[in-house]
Amino acid sequence: MAEFEERGIPTLETPPSVLTQQYTSYRNAILIDQIQSAVEAAIERAASSTTARSTESALLDGLLKVRALSVELRESGSVASLPN
């Protein structure tokens, strides 16, 4: 639909470029919320751990989740990352 918009052919009431921008903003907000939740969960698990090993494991799990979500967040700006 963006192709039609570029040619000046009307498609939707809201232009596809605006919809894509809104979708990206919503997606980024959700990913940021997930990152914050992952950090809080890791800290909570680490605080309730009884050994140094379990504390390390809890923090490492949280770090890996944050890292994966950060990659998604970085890639969310590209149109290729939008679901079909």
C-alpha atoms as a PDB file:
ATOM      1  CA  MET A   1       0.000   0.000   0.000  1.00  0.00           C
ATOM      2  CA  ALA A   2       2.914   2.331   0.600  1.00  0.00           C
ATOM      3  CA  GLU A   3       3.684   1.919  -3.086  1.00  0.00           C
ATOM      4  CA  PHE A   4       0.255   3.293  -3.978  1.00  0.00           C
ATOM      5  CA  GLU A   5       0.671   6.128  -1.505  1.00  0.00           C
ATOM      6  CA  GLU A   6       3.954   7.117  -3.166  1.00  0.00           C
ATOM      7  CA  ARG A   7       2.189   7.251  -6.526  1.00  0.00           C
ATOM      8  CA  GLY A   8      -0.559   9.440  -5.077  1.00  0.00           C
ATOM      9  CA  ILE A   9      -3.219   6.715  -5.321  1.00  0.00           C
ATOM     10  CA  PRO A  10      -5.588   6.872  -2.339  1.00  0.00           C
ATOM     11  CA  THR A  11      -5.737   3.646  -0.311  1.00  0.00           C
ATOM     12  CA  LEU A  12      -6.983   4.191   3.223  1.00  0.00           C
ATOM     13  CA  GLU A  13      -8.284   7.129   5.188  1.00  0.00           C
ATOM     14  CA  THR A  14      -5.059   7.093   7.194  1.00  0.00           C
ATOM     15  CA  PRO A  15      -2.014   6.925   4.892  1.00  0.00           C
ATOM     16  CA  PRO A  16       0.010   3.691   5.099  1.00  0.00           C
ATOM     17  CA  SER A  17       3.148   5.639   6.089  1.00  0.00           C
ATOM     18  CA  VAL A  18       1.340   7.027   9.150  1.00  0.00           C
ATOM     19  CA  LEU A  19       0.056   3.572  10.082  1.00  0.00           C
ATOM     20  CA  THR A  20       3.573   2.149   9.803  1.00  0.00           C
ATOM     21  CA  GLN A  21       4.943   4.926  12.009  1.00  0.00           C
ATOM     22  CA  GLN A  22       2.204   4.388  14.616  1.00  0.00           C
ATOM     23  CA  TYR A  23       2.757   0.631  14.593  1.00  0.00           C
ATOM     24  CA  THR A  24       6.493   1.096  15.093  1.00  0.00           C
ATOM     25  CA  SER A  25       5.905   3.475  18.007  1.00  0.00           C
ATOM     26  CA  TYR A  26       3.493   1.059  19.703  1.00  0.00           C
ATOM     27  CA  ARG A  27       5.845  -1.855  19.140  1.00  0.00           C
ATOM     28  CA  ASN A  28       8.782   0.073  20.601  1.00  0.00           C
ATOM     29  CA  ALA A  29       6.732   1.020  23.665  1.00  0.00           C
ATOM     30  CA  ILE A  30       5.812  -2.633  24.221  1.00  0.00           C
ATOM     31  CA  LEU A  31       9.442  -3.738  23.831  1.00  0.00           C
ATOM     32  CA  ILE A  32      10.613  -1.081  26.311  1.00  0.00           C
ATOM     33  CA  ASP A  33       7.993  -2.274  28.808  1.00  0.00           C
ATOM     34  CA  GLN A  34       9.189  -5.850  28.327  1.00  0.00           C
ATOM     35  CA  ILE A  35      12.803  -4.791  28.907  1.00  0.00           C
ATOM     36  CA  GLN A  36      11.836  -3.021  32.130  1.00  0.00           C
ATOM     37  CA  SER A  37       9.864  -6.068  33.288  1.00  0.00           C
ATOM     38  CA  ALA A  38      12.785  -8.388  32.503  1.00  0.00           C
ATOM     39  CA  VAL A  39      15.157  -6.198  34.540  1.00  0.00           C
ATOM     40  CA  GLU A  40      12.766  -6.036  37.489  1.00  0.00           C
ATOM     41  CA  ALA A  41      12.158  -9.797  37.387  1.00  0.00           C
ATOM     42  CA  ALA A  42      15.898 -10.534  37.267  1.00  0.00           C
ATOM     43  CA  ILE A  43      16.589  -8.241  40.211  1.00  0.00           C
ATOM     44  CA  GLU A  44      13.730  -9.773  42.185  1.00  0.00           C
ATOM     45  CA  ARG A  45      14.936 -13.317  41.466  1.00  0.00           C
ATOM     46  CA  ALA A  46      18.506 -12.374  42.350  1.00  0.00           C
ATOM     47  CA  ALA A  47      17.401 -10.768  45.618  1.00  0.00           C
ATOM     48  CA  SER A  48      15.554 -13.891  46.673  1.00  0.00           C
ATOM     49  CA  SER A  49      18.396 -16.229  45.693  1.00  0.00           C
ATOM     50  CA  THR A  50      20.152 -18.107  48.460  1.00  0.00           C
ATOM     51  CA  THR A  51      23.504 -18.740  46.790  1.00  0.00           C
ATOM     52  CA  ALA A  52      25.921 -16.712  44.722  1.00  0.00           C
ATOM     53  CA  ARG A  53      25.455 -19.153  41.845  1.00  0.00           C
ATOM     54  CA  SER A  54      21.661 -18.750  41.782  1.00  0.00           C
ATOM     55  CA  THR A  55      22.041 -14.958  42.013  1.00  0.00           C
ATOM     56  CA  GLU A  56      24.411 -15.020  39.067  1.00  0.00           C
ATOM     57  CA  SER A  57      22.058 -17.272  37.118  1.00  0.00           C
ATOM     58  CA  ALA A  58      19.062 -15.003  37.759  1.00  0.00           C
ATOM     59  CA  LEU A  59      20.954 -11.912  36.642  1.00  0.00           C
ATOM     60  CA  LEU A  60      22.396 -13.658  33.591  1.00  0.00           C
ATOM     61  CA  ASP A  61      18.940 -14.851  32.501  1.00  0.00           C
ATOM     62  CA  GLY A  62      17.665 -11.298  32.825  1.00  0.00           C
ATOM     63  CA  LEU A  63      20.604  -9.929  30.890  1.00  0.00           C
ATOM     64  CA  LEU A  64      20.040 -12.375  28.044  1.00  0.00           C
ATOM     65  CA  LYS A  65      16.362 -11.420  27.843  1.00  0.00           C
ATOM     66  CA  VAL A  66      17.237  -7.725  27.808  1.00  0.00           C
ATOM     67  CA  ARG A  67      19.822  -8.322  25.110  1.00  0.00           C
ATOM     68  CA  ALA A  68      17.351 -10.198  22.876  1.00  0.00           C
ATOM     69  CA  LEU A  69      14.689  -7.526  23.359  1.00  0.00           C
ATOM     70  CA  SER A  70      17.234  -4.787  22.640  1.00  0.00           C
ATOM     71  CA  VAL A  71      18.079  -6.392  19.311  1.00  0.00           C
ATOM     72  CA  GLU A  72      14.370  -6.475  18.462  1.00  0.00           C
ATOM     73  CA  LEU A  73      14.047  -2.848  19.483  1.00  0.00           C
ATOM     74  CA  ARG A  74      16.955  -1.818  17.256  1.00  0.00           C
ATOM     75  CA  GLU A  75      15.511  -3.738  14.324  1.00  0.00           C
ATOM     76  CA  SER A  76      11.965  -2.480  14.850  1.00  0.00           C
ATOM     77  CA  GLY A  77      12.645   0.666  12.850  1.00  0.00           C
ATOM     78  CA  SER A  78      13.025  -1.231   9.595  1.00  0.00           C
ATOM     79  CA  VAL A  79      10.045  -2.052   7.440  1.00  0.00           C
ATOM     80  CA  ALA A  80      11.463  -5.545   6.943  1.00  0.00           C
ATOM     81  CA  SER A  81      10.828  -6.264  10.624  1.00  0.00           C
ATOM     82  CA  LEU A  82       7.078  -5.725  10.270  1.00  0.00           C
ATOM     83  CA  PRO A  83       5.025  -8.929  10.321  1.00  0.00           C
ATOM     84  CA  ASN A  84       3.409 -10.003   7.061  1.00  0.00           C
END
